[in-house]
């Protein structure tokens, strides 16, 4: 999937922001087109009234073909034909003051009015500039995020799980070579990068150097190995989690720098086997893996009042203790006395 990507320009990490438009997409806050249209119409009307007020206040400096003094309706009429550049010429400024007001006030209002009228066209024309600005701002601010390589079934499911655990969409970056997959990710409000994650330049665009974690959900194990090697080279401390198909490749991923390896085919096979005899066990395991329903496996810090005590005596159902980065299961003698730096893996109810 990722190895067959079309070659990208060399040195993407040092490319100017405008050159990344189309490769790196920052989701925009969506709003109703009717609301946008209403705002533009109201703004155009406000410009007309502002111009009419300026003309009416200086009505002594204008001449009407009828010779009558300008009414507010006449001022509004003049503003309309002037701002729309129609200019019939039946009303014209005749004094230096009125002409100066037209130069200093009416002309800028005319320009703003025209911008509002062709706002949709200008929006399309300036989209590239806006994207470049958003890319620049995002690249300078992104920190401690999660890079997800692959937006297939595994990648989407991983993101759903992270969102269920409270991770913000703005803290997730998706990289893939499939334009349709990236379009779906962008529609879901995620930052996307188009390219092969086996290339260091593409991963640099995701800000992987400053990422807190990397999820590798490639379709092929060899691709997963290359992505893991590249990610670990760019970030020595990020937590890298990889999904593979064959268990025999686990040691390759470990050697490549993966912190956790999930064998998707064997895990699914075990669940299928268990379901034939004890389907309720599978139901409970699915419940634990779905944070928005029923129960969920969570991690928390040891509270000051729990230091020195046994995890078996806590009100929470504790499954294990993380000490020094290692997982120790409850029941082992070394965790009978909790330490202040420990973390607890426990079962919590959803919403707790």
Protein backbone atom coordinates (compact mmCIF):
# COMPACT_ATOMS: atom_id res chain seq x y z
CA UNK A 1 0.00 0.00 0.00
CA UNK A 2 2.63 2.48 1.09
CA UNK A 3 5.55 1.16 -0.91
CA UNK A 4 3.79 1.82 -4.24
CA UNK A 5 3.28 5.54 -3.66
CA UNK A 6 4.12 8.00 -6.38
CA UNK A 7 7.48 9.60 -5.68
CA UNK A 8 7.30 12.99 -3.95
CA UNK A 9 9.76 15.84 -4.27
CA UNK A 10 12.94 15.47 -2.25
CA UNK A 11 13.29 17.60 0.84
CA UNK A 12 9.63 18.01 1.75
CA UNK A 13 10.50 18.85 5.34
CA UNK A 14 12.33 22.00 4.24
CA UNK A 15 9.84 22.95 1.50
CA UNK A 16 7.99 26.27 1.81
CA UNK A 17 4.46 25.99 3.17
CA UNK A 18 2.78 26.87 -0.13
CA UNK A 19 4.52 23.88 -1.77
CA UNK A 20 2.81 21.53 0.69
CA UNK A 21 -0.74 22.50 -0.24
CA UNK A 22 -2.41 19.32 -1.46
CA UNK A 23 0.00 17.08 0.45
CA UNK A 24 -0.81 18.35 3.94
CA UNK A 25 -4.43 19.22 4.68
CA UNK A 26 -5.61 21.02 7.80
CA UNK A 27 -9.36 20.55 8.43
CA UNK A 28 -11.43 23.72 8.48
CA UNK A 29 -14.32 24.46 10.80
CA UNK A 30 -17.41 23.81 8.73
CA UNK A 31 -20.31 26.27 8.80
CA UNK A 32 -23.64 26.45 6.99
CA UNK A 33 -23.37 28.03 3.50
CA UNK A 34 -26.64 29.85 4.20
CA UNK A 35 -25.11 31.49 7.27
CA UNK A 36 -22.09 32.56 5.20
CA UNK A 37 -24.36 33.93 2.47
CA UNK A 38 -26.49 35.82 4.98
CA UNK A 39 -23.39 37.39 6.53
CA UNK A 40 -22.18 38.58 3.13
CA UNK A 41 -25.57 40.05 2.23
CA UNK A 42 -25.81 41.87 5.56
CA UNK A 43 -22.28 43.18 5.16
CA UNK A 44 -23.07 44.45 1.64
CA UNK A 45 -26.19 46.22 2.92
CA UNK A 46 -24.16 47.75 5.74
CA UNK A 47 -21.66 49.09 3.21
CA UNK A 48 -24.48 50.64 1.17
CA UNK A 49 -25.95 52.34 4.23
CA UNK A 50 -22.51 53.59 5.29
CA UNK A 51 -21.90 55.09 1.86
CA UNK A 52 -25.41 56.58 1.78
CA UNK A 53 -24.83 58.18 5.19
CA UNK A 54 -21.55 59.73 4.03
CA UNK A 55 -23.22 61.16 0.92
CA UNK A 56 -26.26 62.41 2.85
CA UNK A 57 -24.13 64.19 5.44
CA UNK A 58 -22.27 65.95 2.63
CA UNK A 59 -25.32 66.40 0.40
CA UNK A 60 -24.56 70.11 -0.13
CA UNK A 61 -21.55 69.08 -2.20
CA UNK A 62 -23.58 67.05 -4.71
CA UNK A 63 -25.67 68.20 -7.68
CA UNK A 64 -28.82 66.47 -8.91
CA UNK A 65 -30.06 66.97 -12.47
CA UNK A 66 -33.41 67.99 -11.03
CA UNK A 67 -31.79 70.76 -9.00
CA UNK A 68 -33.48 69.60 -5.78
CA UNK A 69 -31.60 69.02 -2.55
CA UNK A 70 -30.60 65.36 -2.07
CA UNK A 71 -32.86 63.30 0.14
CA UNK A 72 -31.64 60.20 1.96
CA UNK A 73 -33.28 58.11 -0.79
CA UNK A 74 -31.24 60.06 -3.35
CA UNK A 75 -28.08 59.44 -1.30
CA UNK A 76 -28.89 55.74 -1.08
CA UNK A 77 -29.54 55.66 -4.84
CA UNK A 78 -26.20 57.37 -5.54
CA UNK A 79 -24.40 54.94 -3.23
CA UNK A 80 -26.00 51.98 -4.97
CA UNK A 81 -25.06 53.00 -8.50
CA UNK A 82 -21.64 54.15 -7.34
CA UNK A 83 -20.68 51.06 -5.33
CA UNK A 84 -21.95 48.79 -8.09
CA UNK A 85 -19.85 50.84 -10.59
CA UNK A 86 -22.96 51.54 -12.71
CA UNK A 87 -22.56 55.34 -12.47
CA UNK A 88 -25.48 56.94 -14.38
CA UNK A 89 -24.09 60.44 -13.76
CA UNK A 90 -27.41 62.05 -12.78
CA UNK A 91 -25.94 62.79 -9.33
CA UNK A 92 -22.35 63.96 -9.08
CA UNK A 93 -20.02 65.53 -6.48
CA UNK A 94 -19.26 69.14 -7.35
CA UNK A 95 -17.34 70.52 -4.38
CA UNK A 96 -13.75 69.62 -3.43
CA UNK A 97 -14.96 68.27 -0.09
CA UNK A 98 -17.46 65.90 -1.74
CA UNK A 99 -14.90 64.72 -4.26
CA UNK A 100 -12.37 64.10 -1.49
CA UNK A 101 -14.99 62.10 0.42
CA UNK A 102 -15.55 60.00 -2.71
CA UNK A 103 -11.83 59.35 -3.02
CA UNK A 104 -11.16 58.60 0.65
CA UNK A 105 -14.40 56.89 1.68
CA UNK A 106 -16.65 55.92 -1.23
CA UNK A 107 -13.91 54.33 -3.33
CA UNK A 108 -12.69 51.98 -0.54
CA UNK A 109 -16.31 51.09 0.20
CA UNK A 110 -16.80 50.34 -3.50
CA UNK A 111 -13.82 47.97 -3.41
CA UNK A 112 -15.15 46.21 -0.30
CA UNK A 113 -18.59 45.95 -1.87
CA UNK A 114 -17.18 44.32 -4.99
CA UNK A 115 -15.17 41.90 -2.85
CA UNK A 116 -18.34 40.86 -1.05
CA UNK A 117 -20.21 40.41 -4.36
CA UNK A 118 -17.54 38.12 -5.77
CA UNK A 119 -16.68 36.57 -2.43
CA UNK A 120 -17.25 33.03 -3.57
CA UNK A 121 -14.89 33.41 -6.51
CA UNK A 122 -12.27 35.10 -4.37
CA UNK A 123 -12.63 32.33 -1.81
CA UNK A 124 -11.65 29.77 -4.42
CA UNK A 125 -8.77 31.90 -5.67
CA UNK A 126 -7.37 32.47 -2.19
CA UNK A 127 -7.90 28.92 -0.92
CA UNK A 128 -4.30 27.97 -1.66
CA UNK A 129 -2.99 30.95 0.30
CA UNK A 130 -5.24 30.18 3.25
CA UNK A 131 -4.15 26.54 3.24
CA UNK A 132 -0.50 27.62 3.17
CA UNK A 133 -1.11 29.92 6.15
CA UNK A 134 -2.89 27.16 8.09
CA UNK A 135 -0.08 24.72 7.29
CA UNK A 136 2.51 27.22 8.54
CA UNK A 137 0.62 27.79 11.78
CA UNK A 138 0.01 24.07 12.32
CA UNK A 139 3.65 23.08 11.70
CA UNK A 140 4.83 25.56 14.33
CA UNK A 141 2.31 24.50 16.97
CA UNK A 142 1.86 20.73 16.66
CA UNK A 143 3.26 18.87 19.68
CA UNK A 144 2.68 15.55 21.50
CA UNK A 145 0.23 14.32 18.88
CA UNK A 146 -0.39 10.87 17.41
CA UNK A 147 0.58 9.91 13.87
CA UNK A 148 -1.57 7.17 12.35
CA UNK A 149 -0.08 5.45 9.31
CA UNK A 150 -2.88 3.97 7.21
CA UNK A 151 -6.57 4.86 7.24
CA UNK A 152 -7.92 1.42 6.47
CA UNK A 153 -10.10 -0.62 8.82
CA UNK A 154 -7.38 -0.94 11.47
CA UNK A 155 -6.39 2.71 11.29
CA UNK A 156 -9.98 3.97 11.52
CA UNK A 157 -10.75 1.64 14.41
CA UNK A 158 -7.64 2.79 16.26
CA UNK A 159 -8.65 6.41 15.80
CA UNK A 160 -12.20 5.68 16.99
CA UNK A 161 -10.73 4.11 20.13
CA UNK A 162 -8.50 7.13 20.75
CA UNK A 163 -11.40 9.52 20.28
CA UNK A 164 -13.45 7.41 22.68
CA UNK A 165 -10.67 7.80 25.24
CA UNK A 166 -10.83 11.58 24.96
CA UNK A 167 -8.08 12.32 22.43
CA UNK A 168 -8.83 15.47 20.42
CA UNK A 169 -9.16 15.22 16.64
CA UNK A 170 -6.62 18.01 16.28
CA UNK A 171 -4.06 15.76 18.00
CA UNK A 172 -4.28 13.04 15.33
CA UNK A 173 -2.49 13.12 11.97
CA UNK A 174 -3.26 10.54 9.28
CA UNK A 175 -0.76 9.64 6.54
CA UNK A 176 -1.74 7.45 3.59
CA UNK A 177 -1.24 7.09 -0.17
CA UNK A 178 -4.93 6.49 -0.91
CA UNK A 179 -6.60 9.77 -1.87
CA UNK A 180 -10.08 8.41 -1.10
CA UNK A 181 -9.01 7.30 2.39
CA UNK A 182 -7.48 10.71 3.06
CA UNK A 183 -10.65 12.43 1.87
CA UNK A 184 -12.64 10.38 4.39
CA UNK A 185 -10.14 11.27 7.12
CA UNK A 186 -10.31 14.96 6.23
CA UNK A 187 -14.12 14.83 6.31
CA UNK A 188 -13.80 13.35 9.80
CA UNK A 189 -11.90 16.48 10.89
CA UNK A 190 -8.41 14.98 10.92
CA UNK A 191 -5.17 16.48 9.63
CA UNK A 192 -3.96 14.42 6.67
CA UNK A 193 -0.69 13.96 4.79
CA UNK A 194 -0.56 12.38 1.34
CA UNK A 195 2.47 10.20 0.75
CA UNK A 196 4.32 7.03 1.69
CA UNK A 197 5.20 6.80 5.38
CA UNK A 198 8.28 4.76 4.48
CA UNK A 199 9.86 8.05 3.33
CA UNK A 200 11.39 10.19 6.07
CA UNK A 201 10.39 13.43 4.33
CA UNK A 202 6.72 12.44 4.40
CA UNK A 203 6.88 11.49 8.07
CA UNK A 204 8.55 14.79 8.87
CA UNK A 205 5.51 16.55 7.41
CA UNK A 206 3.40 14.83 10.06
CA UNK A 207 5.59 16.34 12.78
CA UNK A 208 6.62 12.84 13.88
CA UNK A 209 9.79 14.31 15.44
CA UNK A 210 7.59 15.90 18.13
CA UNK A 211 4.87 13.21 18.26
CA UNK A 212 4.02 11.37 21.46
CA UNK A 213 2.99 8.17 19.67
CA UNK A 214 2.85 6.51 16.26
CA UNK A 215 0.26 3.94 15.19
CA UNK A 216 1.32 1.83 12.21
CA UNK A 217 -1.66 0.16 10.54
CA UNK A 218 -0.22 -0.72 7.14
CA UNK A 219 -1.66 -3.49 4.97
CA UNK A 220 1.65 -5.36 4.69
CA UNK A 221 4.11 -6.48 7.34
CA UNK A 222 7.19 -5.48 5.34
CA UNK A 223 5.77 -1.98 4.95
CA UNK A 224 5.12 -1.87 8.70
CA UNK A 225 8.78 -2.72 9.35
CA UNK A 226 10.03 0.07 7.06
CA UNK A 227 7.64 2.62 8.56
CA UNK A 228 8.68 1.64 12.09
CA UNK A 229 12.37 1.94 11.25
CA UNK A 230 11.84 5.37 9.71
CA UNK A 231 9.69 6.62 12.59
CA UNK A 232 12.12 5.39 15.24
CA UNK A 233 15.03 7.04 13.44
CA UNK A 234 13.20 10.38 13.52
CA UNK A 235 11.88 10.07 17.07
CA UNK A 236 13.76 8.08 19.70
CA UNK A 237 11.16 8.48 22.47
CA UNK A 238 7.74 8.21 20.82
CA UNK A 239 5.64 5.17 21.63
CA UNK A 240 5.28 3.13 18.44
CA UNK A 241 2.41 0.65 18.17
CA UNK A 242 2.26 -1.63 15.15
CA UNK A 243 -0.38 -4.00 13.78
CA UNK A 244 0.89 -6.96 11.71
CA UNK A 245 -0.65 -10.02 10.12
CA UNK A 246 1.89 -12.74 10.96
CA UNK A 247 3.29 -13.45 14.44
CA UNK A 248 6.64 -14.56 12.97
CA UNK A 249 7.35 -10.92 12.10
CA UNK A 250 6.98 -9.73 15.68
CA UNK A 251 10.71 -9.90 16.42
CA UNK A 252 11.46 -7.81 13.32
CA UNK A 253 9.15 -5.07 14.54
CA UNK A 254 10.69 -5.21 18.02
CA UNK A 255 14.16 -4.87 16.55
CA UNK A 256 12.94 -2.01 14.37
CA UNK A 257 11.88 -0.03 17.43
CA UNK A 258 8.23 -0.94 18.03
CA UNK A 259 7.07 -0.70 21.65
CA UNK A 260 3.93 -2.77 21.13
CA UNK A 261 3.04 -5.25 18.39
CA UNK A 262 -0.49 -6.49 17.79
CA UNK A 263 -0.91 -9.59 15.64
CA UNK A 264 -4.30 -8.90 14.10
CA UNK A 265 -4.87 -12.28 12.44
CA UNK A 266 -3.99 -14.35 15.53
CA UNK A 267 -5.96 -12.09 17.85
CA UNK A 268 -9.03 -12.43 15.66
CA UNK A 269 -8.45 -16.18 15.44
CA UNK A 270 -8.30 -16.55 19.23
CA UNK A 271 -11.52 -14.61 19.65
CA UNK A 272 -13.21 -16.79 17.05
CA UNK A 273 -12.04 -19.94 18.84
CA UNK A 274 -13.16 -18.70 22.26
CA UNK A 275 -16.53 -17.65 20.85
CA UNK A 276 -17.33 -21.24 19.85
CA UNK A 277 -17.32 -22.38 23.48
CA UNK A 278 -17.68 -19.28 25.67
CA UNK A 279 -19.21 -16.46 23.61
CA UNK A 280 -19.87 -14.34 26.71
CA UNK A 281 -16.11 -14.09 27.28
CA UNK A 282 -15.71 -12.57 23.82
CA UNK A 283 -18.61 -10.23 24.54
CA UNK A 284 -16.91 -9.03 27.71
CA UNK A 285 -13.57 -8.57 25.92
CA UNK A 286 -15.27 -6.49 23.23
CA UNK A 287 -16.90 -4.46 25.98
CA UNK A 288 -13.50 -3.77 27.55
CA UNK A 289 -12.10 -2.70 24.17
CA UNK A 290 -14.98 -0.32 23.47
CA UNK A 291 -14.54 2.70 25.78
CA UNK A 292 -17.92 4.27 25.03
CA UNK A 293 -19.93 1.29 26.27
CA UNK A 294 -20.05 -0.55 29.61
CA UNK A 295 -16.53 -1.14 30.91
CA UNK A 296 -13.10 -0.08 29.67
CA UNK A 297 -9.49 -0.78 30.58
CA UNK A 298 -7.83 2.44 31.74
CA UNK A 299 -4.60 3.65 33.32
CA UNK A 300 -4.17 6.07 36.19
CA UNK A 301 -1.56 7.33 38.62
CA UNK A 302 -1.29 5.91 42.12
CA UNK A 303 -2.92 8.29 44.59
CA UNK A 304 -0.93 9.40 47.67
CA UNK A 305 -3.20 7.44 50.05
CA UNK A 306 -2.62 4.24 48.08
CA UNK A 307 1.18 4.24 48.35
CA UNK A 308 2.42 1.23 50.33
CA UNK A 309 -0.84 -0.65 50.01
CA UNK A 310 -1.75 -3.64 47.88
CA UNK A 311 -3.61 -3.12 44.57
CA UNK A 312 -5.86 -6.05 45.53
CA UNK A 313 -7.33 -4.00 48.37
CA UNK A 314 -8.40 -1.04 46.23
CA UNK A 315 -11.99 -0.32 45.26
CA UNK A 316 -10.99 -0.44 41.58
CA UNK A 317 -10.49 -3.78 39.86
CA UNK A 318 -6.74 -3.58 39.16
CA UNK A 319 -5.32 -5.85 36.47
CA UNK A 320 -1.70 -4.81 36.60
CA UNK A 321 0.88 -2.27 37.74
CA UNK A 322 3.22 -0.38 35.42
CA UNK A 323 6.54 0.15 37.17
CA UNK A 324 9.56 1.57 35.41
CA UNK A 325 7.88 0.99 32.06
CA UNK A 326 7.28 -2.71 32.75
CA UNK A 327 3.87 -4.31 33.26
CA UNK A 328 3.57 -6.46 36.39
CA UNK A 329 0.35 -8.39 36.83
CA UNK A 330 -1.57 -8.26 40.08
CA UNK A 331 -0.62 -11.23 42.28
CA UNK A 332 3.11 -10.90 41.77
CA UNK A 333 4.87 -10.29 45.10
CA UNK A 334 6.79 -7.22 43.89
CA UNK A 335 3.58 -5.19 43.55
CA UNK A 336 2.07 -6.00 46.92
CA UNK A 337 3.31 -2.57 48.03
CA UNK A 338 2.51 0.23 45.60
CA UNK A 339 5.07 2.95 44.93
CA UNK A 340 4.36 6.62 44.22
CA UNK A 341 5.69 6.37 40.66
CA UNK A 342 3.52 3.37 39.75
CA UNK A 343 0.60 3.43 37.35
CA UNK A 344 -2.44 1.21 37.67
CA UNK A 345 -4.20 -0.64 34.87
CA UNK A 346 -7.75 -1.04 36.06
CA UNK A 347 -11.31 -1.60 34.85
CA UNK A 348 -13.51 1.46 34.95
CA UNK A 349 -17.11 2.08 34.10
CA UNK A 350 -17.75 4.31 31.12
CA UNK A 351 -18.13 7.92 32.17
CA UNK A 352 -16.27 7.46 35.43
